[in-house]
Amino acid sequence: MESAIACIIMGMFILAVTGGYAAAPQRASAAGTAQDVLKSLDDRGVLRGYAVTLDYAGLDSEIEIAGYGHAVNICSESGTCVGPEPNATDVWAGSYFIAGKSAYQPLEIKLYLWED
């Protein structure tokens, strides 16, 4: 009887620790991924040069994310954006704000992601 109770307790402990089942792996937040990519480009010194010259095509060429299609927009403080709109469904967007490069010129860079 004691061994049966011990087995039940051990089984309940294992279920509690593992969550009771094997969960499917969760896909990372695409919006967070987009923001991380933009931050990485800024850290490498690439983002601001393209952004202040409104060169969305040049910026777009720097981005490659496996499993995702993407589009880049560069938006001014007034809300005017340059760059293509995403042509997909289930689109996530990550934004990154900069104050400019050598002069104050606030811009928002939007990176849209969708699964290929």
Protein backbone atom coordinates (compact mmCIF):
# COMPACT_ATOMS: atom_id res chain seq x y z
CA MET A 1 0.00 0.00 0.00
CA GLU A 2 2.80 2.40 0.86
CA SER A 3 4.53 1.82 -2.49
CA ALA A 4 1.26 2.53 -4.37
CA ILE A 5 0.84 5.83 -2.50
CA ALA A 6 4.50 6.70 -3.17
CA CYS A 7 4.01 6.00 -6.91
CA ILE A 8 0.89 8.17 -6.99
CA ILE A 9 2.68 11.01 -5.22
CA MET A 10 5.69 10.73 -7.57
CA GLY A 11 3.38 10.68 -10.60
CA MET A 12 1.52 13.77 -9.40
CA PHE A 13 4.83 15.55 -8.77
CA ILE A 14 6.10 14.75 -12.27
CA LEU A 15 2.82 15.95 -13.83
CA ALA A 16 2.96 19.17 -11.81
CA VAL A 17 6.57 19.89 -12.80
CA THR A 18 6.16 19.12 -16.52
CA GLY A 19 2.77 20.75 -16.89
CA GLY A 20 1.04 17.42 -17.41
CA TYR A 21 1.70 17.16 -21.14
CA ALA A 22 4.22 17.93 -23.80
CA ALA A 23 3.36 21.42 -25.01
CA ALA A 24 3.98 22.44 -28.59
CA PRO A 25 6.81 24.95 -28.91
CA GLN A 26 5.54 28.53 -28.96
CA ARG A 27 6.51 30.70 -31.88
CA ALA A 28 8.34 33.85 -30.93
CA SER A 29 6.49 37.13 -31.06
CA ALA A 30 6.97 38.42 -34.60
CA ALA A 31 6.43 42.03 -33.49
CA GLY A 32 9.20 41.59 -30.92
CA THR A 33 11.39 39.99 -33.57
CA ALA A 34 10.81 42.96 -35.87
CA GLN A 35 11.79 45.41 -33.16
CA ASP A 36 14.87 43.33 -32.29
CA VAL A 37 15.99 43.36 -35.94
CA LEU A 38 15.65 47.14 -36.15
CA LYS A 39 17.53 47.60 -32.87
CA SER A 40 20.28 45.31 -34.14
CA LEU A 41 20.62 47.39 -37.32
CA ASP A 42 20.84 50.56 -35.23
CA ASP A 43 23.46 48.99 -32.96
CA ARG A 44 25.53 48.11 -36.05
CA GLY A 45 25.29 51.73 -37.28
CA VAL A 46 23.27 50.86 -40.39
CA LEU A 47 19.73 52.00 -39.59
CA ARG A 48 20.08 55.77 -39.14
CA GLY A 49 21.89 56.42 -42.40
CA TYR A 50 19.14 54.79 -44.41
CA ALA A 51 16.39 56.31 -42.29
CA VAL A 52 17.43 59.96 -42.48
CA THR A 53 17.80 59.71 -46.28
CA LEU A 54 14.42 57.91 -46.46
CA ASP A 55 16.13 55.03 -48.29
CA TYR A 56 13.65 52.28 -47.42
CA ALA A 57 14.94 50.07 -50.28
CA GLY A 58 18.50 50.18 -48.92
CA LEU A 59 17.26 49.42 -45.43
CA ASP A 60 15.09 46.62 -46.77
CA SER A 61 18.14 45.05 -48.43
CA GLU A 62 19.85 44.79 -45.02
CA ILE A 63 17.02 42.69 -43.56
CA GLU A 64 16.68 38.94 -43.92
CA ILE A 65 14.59 36.92 -41.49
CA ALA A 66 14.23 33.20 -42.16
CA GLY A 67 10.62 32.11 -42.52
CA TYR A 68 9.21 35.63 -42.83
CA GLY A 69 8.45 38.04 -45.63
CA HIS A 70 8.89 41.68 -44.75
CA ALA A 71 8.34 45.29 -45.77
CA VAL A 72 9.89 48.48 -44.37
CA ASN A 73 8.36 51.94 -43.96
CA ILE A 74 10.11 55.09 -42.77
CA CYS A 75 7.70 57.62 -41.30
CA SER A 76 8.23 61.27 -40.45
CA GLU A 77 6.98 63.06 -37.37
CA SER A 78 3.94 64.26 -39.34
CA GLY A 79 2.94 60.67 -40.16
CA THR A 80 4.01 60.67 -43.81
CA CYS A 81 5.56 57.29 -44.67
CA VAL A 82 7.69 56.05 -47.55
CA GLY A 83 7.93 52.39 -48.45
CA PRO A 84 5.57 49.69 -49.65
CA GLU A 85 2.61 48.50 -47.65
CA PRO A 86 2.65 44.79 -46.79
CA ASN A 87 0.74 42.63 -49.24
CA ALA A 88 -0.13 39.73 -46.95
CA THR A 89 -2.50 38.59 -44.25
CA ASP A 90 -1.61 38.04 -40.59
CA VAL A 91 0.95 40.84 -40.56
CA TRP A 92 2.88 41.86 -37.46
CA ALA A 93 4.57 45.23 -37.12
CA GLY A 94 7.49 46.35 -35.03
CA SER A 95 8.37 50.03 -34.67
CA TYR A 96 11.64 51.70 -33.82
CA PHE A 97 11.96 55.42 -33.13
CA ILE A 98 15.08 57.47 -33.72
CA ALA A 99 15.81 61.15 -33.09
CA GLY A 100 17.91 61.50 -36.25
CA LYS A 101 21.57 61.08 -37.08
CA SER A 102 23.60 64.28 -36.83
CA ALA A 103 20.62 66.63 -36.44
CA TYR A 104 17.26 66.30 -34.73
CA GLN A 105 14.96 64.58 -37.21
CA PRO A 106 12.54 62.25 -35.42
CA LEU A 107 11.54 59.22 -37.47
CA GLU A 108 9.66 56.00 -36.95
CA ILE A 109 10.86 52.92 -38.79
CA LYS A 110 8.22 50.22 -39.18
CA LEU A 111 9.10 46.66 -40.06
CA TYR A 112 6.17 44.50 -41.13
CA LEU A 113 6.54 40.71 -40.93
CA TRP A 114 4.41 37.86 -42.20
CA GLU A 115 5.00 34.14 -42.48
CA ASP A 116 6.15 32.90 -45.89
